[in-house]
Amino acid sequence: MLKALLVLALANSLQTVAQGSYMALRTPRELAKCIVLWRRAVPVGVLSALGSACWFAAFAMTDVALVRGFGQIEILFTLAVGHFYLKERTKRGEIGGLLLVGGGVALIAVAGMG
């Protein structure tokens, strides 16, 4: 378990460096906004890291295909946090995508029961 958490910490760190580098090169103003508004983003980052830890546990407990498919519900939570907590506007295309993801997750859940 300790090795898995170490790999998770390394992966999250690499993702942060990669995304930060990309933003520094492509959208430095947005990166500056992120740095200024870090207090608003911390809860989302913490929940994301906890979610990744749960992925590791789930992969160890059941079939990877079920975990990957059912795990798409994470998208619903991500957009909900963006909408309700960060006050982002949800676009019509995103709502359509949410409905498709939700339907797919429901089908996986029903198939897993049988």
Protein backbone atom coordinates (compact mmCIF):
# COMPACT_ATOMS: atom_id res chain seq x y z
CA MET A 1 0.00 0.00 0.00
CA LEU A 2 2.87 2.38 0.81
CA LYS A 3 4.40 1.82 -2.64
CA ALA A 4 1.06 2.54 -4.32
CA LEU A 5 0.69 5.79 -2.37
CA LEU A 6 4.23 6.78 -3.31
CA VAL A 7 3.51 6.17 -6.99
CA LEU A 8 0.27 8.14 -6.64
CA ALA A 9 2.11 11.07 -5.05
CA LEU A 10 4.71 10.96 -7.81
CA ALA A 11 2.05 10.83 -10.54
CA ASN A 12 0.13 13.76 -9.02
CA SER A 13 3.36 15.76 -8.71
CA LEU A 14 4.30 15.08 -12.34
CA GLN A 15 0.82 16.07 -13.49
CA THR A 16 1.08 19.33 -11.53
CA VAL A 17 4.47 20.16 -13.02
CA ALA A 18 3.33 19.25 -16.56
CA GLN A 19 0.11 21.26 -16.33
CA GLY A 20 1.87 24.19 -14.66
CA SER A 21 4.56 24.22 -17.34
CA TYR A 22 1.99 24.10 -20.11
CA MET A 23 0.04 26.96 -18.55
CA ALA A 24 3.21 28.99 -18.00
CA LEU A 25 4.05 28.68 -21.70
CA ARG A 26 0.58 28.92 -23.23
CA THR A 27 -1.63 30.86 -20.80
CA PRO A 28 0.50 32.70 -18.24
CA ARG A 29 -2.38 34.99 -17.25
CA GLU A 30 -4.55 32.00 -16.34
CA LEU A 31 -1.68 30.50 -14.35
CA ALA A 32 -1.35 33.78 -12.44
CA LYS A 33 -5.09 33.67 -11.67
CA CYS A 34 -4.73 30.09 -10.42
CA ILE A 35 -1.93 31.11 -8.11
CA VAL A 36 -3.88 34.09 -6.77
CA LEU A 37 -7.03 32.00 -6.23
CA TRP A 38 -5.28 28.93 -4.81
CA ARG A 39 -7.48 28.87 -1.69
CA ARG A 40 -10.55 28.19 -3.81
CA ALA A 41 -8.82 25.37 -5.67
CA VAL A 42 -7.34 23.52 -2.68
CA PRO A 43 -10.53 21.63 -1.74
CA VAL A 44 -10.91 20.43 -5.33
CA GLY A 45 -7.28 19.32 -5.42
CA VAL A 46 -7.58 17.46 -2.13
CA LEU A 47 -10.74 15.70 -3.26
CA SER A 48 -9.06 14.82 -6.55
CA ALA A 49 -6.08 13.27 -4.73
CA LEU A 50 -8.43 11.31 -2.46
CA GLY A 51 -10.35 10.16 -5.52
CA SER A 52 -7.14 8.91 -7.11
CA ALA A 53 -6.34 6.98 -3.92
CA CYS A 54 -9.78 5.38 -4.15
CA TRP A 55 -9.06 4.38 -7.76
CA PHE A 56 -5.97 2.51 -6.58
CA ALA A 57 -7.99 0.68 -3.93
CA ALA A 58 -10.79 -0.18 -6.35
CA PHE A 59 -8.38 -1.59 -8.94
CA ALA A 60 -7.04 -3.90 -6.25
CA MET A 61 -10.51 -5.11 -5.23
CA THR A 62 -12.30 -5.89 -8.51
CA ASP A 63 -12.06 -6.03 -12.31
CA VAL A 64 -10.28 -3.07 -13.86
CA ALA A 65 -12.87 -2.75 -16.65
CA LEU A 66 -15.70 -2.29 -14.14
CA VAL A 67 -13.72 0.26 -12.16
CA ARG A 68 -12.77 2.27 -15.26
CA GLY A 69 -16.30 2.26 -16.61
CA PHE A 70 -18.08 3.00 -13.36
CA GLY A 71 -15.40 5.53 -12.44
CA GLN A 72 -16.61 7.82 -15.21
CA ILE A 73 -19.15 9.09 -12.70
CA GLU A 74 -16.22 11.17 -11.44
CA ILE A 75 -16.94 13.52 -14.35
CA LEU A 76 -20.37 14.25 -12.88
CA PHE A 77 -18.85 15.21 -9.54
CA THR A 78 -16.16 17.34 -11.18
CA LEU A 79 -18.69 19.38 -13.13
CA ALA A 80 -20.97 19.66 -10.09
CA VAL A 81 -18.13 21.11 -8.00
CA GLY A 82 -17.26 23.48 -10.84
CA HIS A 83 -20.87 24.61 -11.15
CA PHE A 84 -21.92 24.88 -7.50
CA TYR A 85 -18.66 25.69 -5.73
CA LEU A 86 -16.62 27.54 -8.35
CA LYS A 87 -19.71 29.16 -9.93
CA GLU A 88 -18.80 28.05 -13.45
CA ARG A 89 -21.53 28.01 -16.08
CA THR A 90 -22.45 24.58 -17.42
CA LYS A 91 -22.78 24.56 -21.20
CA ARG A 92 -25.43 22.69 -23.15
CA GLY A 93 -22.84 20.33 -24.66
CA GLU A 94 -21.55 19.49 -21.19
CA ILE A 95 -25.07 18.63 -20.05
CA GLY A 96 -25.45 16.32 -23.05
CA GLY A 97 -22.13 14.68 -22.19
CA LEU A 98 -23.24 14.27 -18.58
CA LEU A 99 -26.40 12.51 -19.70
CA LEU A 100 -24.40 10.14 -21.93
CA VAL A 101 -21.88 9.40 -19.16
CA GLY A 102 -24.68 8.88 -16.63
CA GLY A 103 -26.48 6.51 -18.99
CA GLY A 104 -23.28 4.56 -19.60
CA VAL A 105 -22.59 4.27 -15.89
CA ALA A 106 -26.18 3.10 -15.29
CA LEU A 107 -25.77 0.41 -18.00
CA ILE A 108 -22.50 -0.77 -16.44
CA ALA A 109 -24.14 -0.94 -13.01
CA VAL A 110 -27.09 -2.95 -14.37
CA ALA A 111 -24.75 -5.29 -16.28
CA GLY A 112 -22.64 -5.78 -13.15
CA MET A 113 -25.70 -6.89 -11.18
CA GLY A 114 -26.52 -9.70 -13.61
